[in-house]
Amino acid sequence: MLKIKKITPTGDKSWYIKWVATVIIIVGACFNSFDLQPYSHAVMCIGAGLWLIVGILWYDRALIAVNSAIMAIYFAGLVMYFTYYV
Protein backbone atom coordinates (compact mmCIF):
# COMPACT_ATOMS: atom_id res chain seq x y z
CA MET A 1 0.00 0.00 0.00
CA LEU A 2 1.30 3.44 -0.95
CA LYS A 3 1.72 5.76 2.01
CA ILE A 4 1.61 9.47 1.34
CA LYS A 5 3.58 11.58 3.77
CA LYS A 6 1.73 14.67 4.96
CA ILE A 7 3.96 17.73 4.72
CA THR A 8 1.61 20.48 5.92
CA PRO A 9 1.76 21.26 9.63
CA THR A 10 -0.98 20.07 11.97
CA GLY A 11 -1.95 21.56 15.30
CA ASP A 12 -0.17 24.90 14.89
CA LYS A 13 -1.81 28.27 14.26
CA SER A 14 -1.61 27.89 10.47
CA TRP A 15 -3.66 24.67 10.71
CA TYR A 16 -6.49 26.49 12.52
CA ILE A 17 -6.37 29.50 10.19
CA LYS A 18 -6.42 27.17 7.17
CA TRP A 19 -9.59 25.40 8.29
CA VAL A 20 -11.39 28.58 9.37
CA ALA A 21 -10.51 30.13 5.99
CA THR A 22 -11.77 27.03 4.18
CA VAL A 23 -15.14 27.18 5.94
CA ILE A 24 -15.40 30.92 5.26
CA ILE A 25 -14.69 30.42 1.55
CA ILE A 26 -17.33 27.68 1.35
CA VAL A 27 -19.86 30.05 2.97
CA GLY A 28 -18.78 32.79 0.55
CA ALA A 29 -19.29 30.45 -2.41
CA CYS A 30 -22.80 29.69 -1.13
CA PHE A 31 -23.50 33.42 -0.81
CA ASN A 32 -22.15 33.90 -4.33
CA SER A 33 -24.41 31.22 -5.77
CA PHE A 34 -27.45 32.96 -4.29
CA ASP A 35 -26.21 36.38 -5.51
CA LEU A 36 -26.00 37.88 -2.02
CA GLN A 37 -23.88 40.88 -2.89
CA PRO A 38 -21.99 42.57 -1.23
CA TYR A 39 -21.90 39.91 1.49
CA SER A 40 -20.43 37.27 -0.82
CA HIS A 41 -17.62 39.61 -1.84
CA ALA A 42 -16.82 40.55 1.75
CA VAL A 43 -16.83 36.95 2.96
CA MET A 44 -14.68 35.75 0.06
CA CYS A 45 -12.24 38.62 0.66
CA ILE A 46 -11.91 37.59 4.33
CA GLY A 47 -11.41 33.93 3.40
CA ALA A 48 -8.78 34.77 0.79
CA GLY A 49 -7.07 37.06 3.30
CA LEU A 50 -6.85 34.24 5.81
CA TRP A 51 -5.47 31.88 3.16
CA LEU A 52 -2.97 34.62 2.26
CA ILE A 53 -1.80 34.59 5.88
CA VAL A 54 -1.40 30.81 5.69
CA GLY A 55 0.63 31.19 2.49
CA ILE A 56 2.88 33.70 4.20
CA LEU A 57 3.32 31.45 7.24
CA TRP A 58 4.21 28.52 4.98
CA TYR A 59 6.40 30.63 2.62
CA ASP A 60 4.31 29.28 -0.27
CA ARG A 61 4.50 31.68 -3.22
CA ALA A 62 1.66 29.99 -5.11
CA LEU A 63 -0.75 30.47 -2.19
CA ILE A 64 0.43 34.04 -1.74
CA ALA A 65 -0.03 34.85 -5.44
CA VAL A 66 -3.46 33.27 -5.93
CA ASN A 67 -4.96 34.61 -2.71
CA SER A 68 -3.55 38.11 -3.28
CA ALA A 69 -5.22 38.11 -6.69
CA ILE A 70 -8.51 36.75 -5.30
CA MET A 71 -8.52 39.37 -2.54
CA ALA A 72 -7.87 42.15 -5.06
CA ILE A 73 -10.64 40.90 -7.37
CA TYR A 74 -13.26 40.65 -4.63
CA PHE A 75 -12.17 43.95 -3.09
CA ALA A 76 -12.59 45.60 -6.49
CA GLY A 77 -16.07 44.06 -6.64
CA LEU A 78 -16.88 45.59 -3.25
CA VAL A 79 -15.65 48.99 -4.40
CA MET A 80 -17.73 48.75 -7.58
CA TYR A 81 -20.80 47.70 -5.61
CA PHE A 82 -20.59 50.64 -3.23
CA THR A 83 -19.60 53.09 -5.97
CA TYR A 84 -22.28 52.25 -8.53
CA TYR A 85 -25.11 50.49 -6.72
CA VAL A 86 -25.48 52.26 -3.40
C-alpha atoms as a PDB file:
ATOM      1  CA  MET A   1       0.000   0.000   0.000  1.00  0.00           C
ATOM      2  CA  LEU A   2       1.295   3.435  -0.953  1.00  0.00           C
ATOM      3  CA  LYS A   3       1.724   5.761   2.008  1.00  0.00           C
ATOM      4  CA  ILE A   4       1.605   9.470   1.344  1.00  0.00           C
ATOM      5  CA  LYS A   5       3.583  11.583   3.773  1.00  0.00           C
ATOM      6  CA  LYS A   6       1.732  14.671   4.960  1.00  0.00           C
ATOM      7  CA  ILE A   7       3.956  17.726   4.722  1.00  0.00           C
ATOM      8  CA  THR A   8       1.614  20.482   5.917  1.00  0.00           C
ATOM      9  CA  PRO A   9       1.757  21.255   9.631  1.00  0.00           C
ATOM     10  CA  THR A  10      -0.984  20.073  11.975  1.00  0.00           C
ATOM     11  CA  GLY A  11      -1.953  21.565  15.300  1.00  0.00           C
ATOM     12  CA  ASP A  12      -0.169  24.900  14.894  1.00  0.00           C
ATOM     13  CA  LYS A  13      -1.813  28.268  14.260  1.00  0.00           C
ATOM     14  CA  SER A  14      -1.610  27.886  10.469  1.00  0.00           C
ATOM     15  CA  TRP A  15      -3.664  24.675  10.711  1.00  0.00           C
ATOM     16  CA  TYR A  16      -6.492  26.490  12.517  1.00  0.00           C
ATOM     17  CA  ILE A  17      -6.368  29.498  10.190  1.00  0.00           C
ATOM     18  CA  LYS A  18      -6.416  27.165   7.169  1.00  0.00           C
ATOM     19  CA  TRP A  19      -9.594  25.400   8.288  1.00  0.00           C
ATOM     20  CA  VAL A  20     -11.394  28.584   9.367  1.00  0.00           C
ATOM     21  CA  ALA A  21     -10.510  30.133   5.993  1.00  0.00           C
ATOM     22  CA  THR A  22     -11.767  27.035   4.175  1.00  0.00           C
ATOM     23  CA  VAL A  23     -15.142  27.175   5.939  1.00  0.00           C
ATOM     24  CA  ILE A  24     -15.403  30.921   5.264  1.00  0.00           C
ATOM     25  CA  ILE A  25     -14.695  30.417   1.554  1.00  0.00           C
ATOM     26  CA  ILE A  26     -17.334  27.677   1.351  1.00  0.00           C
ATOM     27  CA  VAL A  27     -19.858  30.046   2.970  1.00  0.00           C
ATOM     28  CA  GLY A  28     -18.776  32.794   0.547  1.00  0.00           C
ATOM     29  CA  ALA A  29     -19.290  30.449  -2.405  1.00  0.00           C
ATOM     30  CA  CYS A  30     -22.803  29.690  -1.132  1.00  0.00           C
ATOM     31  CA  PHE A  31     -23.503  33.420  -0.814  1.00  0.00           C
ATOM     32  CA  ASN A  32     -22.146  33.899  -4.331  1.00  0.00           C
ATOM     33  CA  SER A  33     -24.411  31.219  -5.770  1.00  0.00           C
ATOM     34  CA  PHE A  34     -27.452  32.956  -4.291  1.00  0.00           C
ATOM     35  CA  ASP A  35     -26.209  36.377  -5.506  1.00  0.00           C
ATOM     36  CA  LEU A  36     -25.996  37.877  -2.021  1.00  0.00           C
ATOM     37  CA  GLN A  37     -23.882  40.882  -2.888  1.00  0.00           C
ATOM     38  CA  PRO A  38     -21.993  42.569  -1.235  1.00  0.00           C
ATOM     39  CA  TYR A  39     -21.902  39.907   1.488  1.00  0.00           C
ATOM     40  CA  SER A  40     -20.434  37.271  -0.818  1.00  0.00           C
ATOM     41  CA  HIS A  41     -17.620  39.614  -1.842  1.00  0.00           C
ATOM     42  CA  ALA A  42     -16.820  40.554   1.754  1.00  0.00           C
ATOM     43  CA  VAL A  43     -16.833  36.948   2.958  1.00  0.00           C
ATOM     44  CA  MET A  44     -14.678  35.748   0.062  1.00  0.00           C
ATOM     45  CA  CYS A  45     -12.244  38.624   0.661  1.00  0.00           C
ATOM     46  CA  ILE A  46     -11.912  37.588   4.327  1.00  0.00           C
ATOM     47  CA  GLY A  47     -11.407  33.927   3.400  1.00  0.00           C
ATOM     48  CA  ALA A  48      -8.778  34.769   0.791  1.00  0.00           C
ATOM     49  CA  GLY A  49      -7.071  37.057   3.302  1.00  0.00           C
ATOM     50  CA  LEU A  50      -6.851  34.237   5.811  1.00  0.00           C
ATOM     51  CA  TRP A  51      -5.468  31.882   3.160  1.00  0.00           C
ATOM     52  CA  LEU A  52      -2.972  34.618   2.258  1.00  0.00           C
ATOM     53  CA  ILE A  53      -1.802  34.593   5.880  1.00  0.00           C
ATOM     54  CA  VAL A  54      -1.397  30.810   5.688  1.00  0.00           C
ATOM     55  CA  GLY A  55       0.632  31.192   2.491  1.00  0.00           C
ATOM     56  CA  ILE A  56       2.884  33.704   4.203  1.00  0.00           C
ATOM     57  CA  LEU A  57       3.322  31.448   7.244  1.00  0.00           C
ATOM     58  CA  TRP A  58       4.209  28.517   4.975  1.00  0.00           C
ATOM     59  CA  TYR A  59       6.401  30.627   2.622  1.00  0.00           C
ATOM     60  CA  ASP A  60       4.315  29.280  -0.272  1.00  0.00           C
ATOM     61  CA  ARG A  61       4.501  31.678  -3.218  1.00  0.00           C
ATOM     62  CA  ALA A  62       1.658  29.992  -5.105  1.00  0.00           C
ATOM     63  CA  LEU A  63      -0.749  30.472  -2.189  1.00  0.00           C
ATOM     64  CA  ILE A  64       0.431  34.043  -1.741  1.00  0.00           C
ATOM     65  CA  ALA A  65      -0.031  34.845  -5.444  1.00  0.00           C
ATOM     66  CA  VAL A  66      -3.460  33.268  -5.925  1.00  0.00           C
ATOM     67  CA  ASN A  67      -4.956  34.614  -2.707  1.00  0.00           C
ATOM     68  CA  SER A  68      -3.548  38.108  -3.276  1.00  0.00           C
ATOM     69  CA  ALA A  69      -5.215  38.107  -6.690  1.00  0.00           C
ATOM     70  CA  ILE A  70      -8.507  36.755  -5.303  1.00  0.00           C
ATOM     71  CA  MET A  71      -8.519  39.375  -2.536  1.00  0.00           C
ATOM     72  CA  ALA A  72      -7.875  42.149  -5.057  1.00  0.00           C
ATOM     73  CA  ILE A  73     -10.645  40.905  -7.371  1.00  0.00           C
ATOM     74  CA  TYR A  74     -13.258  40.647  -4.625  1.00  0.00           C
ATOM     75  CA  PHE A  75     -12.169  43.950  -3.091  1.00  0.00           C
ATOM     76  CA  ALA A  76     -12.591  45.601  -6.491  1.00  0.00           C
ATOM     77  CA  GLY A  77     -16.068  44.059  -6.641  1.00  0.00           C
ATOM     78  CA  LEU A  78     -16.880  45.591  -3.254  1.00  0.00           C
ATOM     79  CA  VAL A  79     -15.646  48.992  -4.399  1.00  0.00           C
ATOM     80  CA  MET A  80     -17.731  48.753  -7.577  1.00  0.00           C
ATOM     81  CA  TYR A  81     -20.798  47.698  -5.614  1.00  0.00           C
ATOM     82  CA  PHE A  82     -20.592  50.643  -3.227  1.00  0.00           C
ATOM     83  CA  THR A  83     -19.596  53.093  -5.973  1.00  0.00           C
ATOM     84  CA  TYR A  84     -22.278  52.250  -8.532  1.00  0.00           C
ATOM     85  CA  TYR A  85     -25.108  50.492  -6.724  1.00  0.00           C
ATOM     86  CA  VAL A  86     -25.478  52.257  -3.396  1.00  0.00           C
END
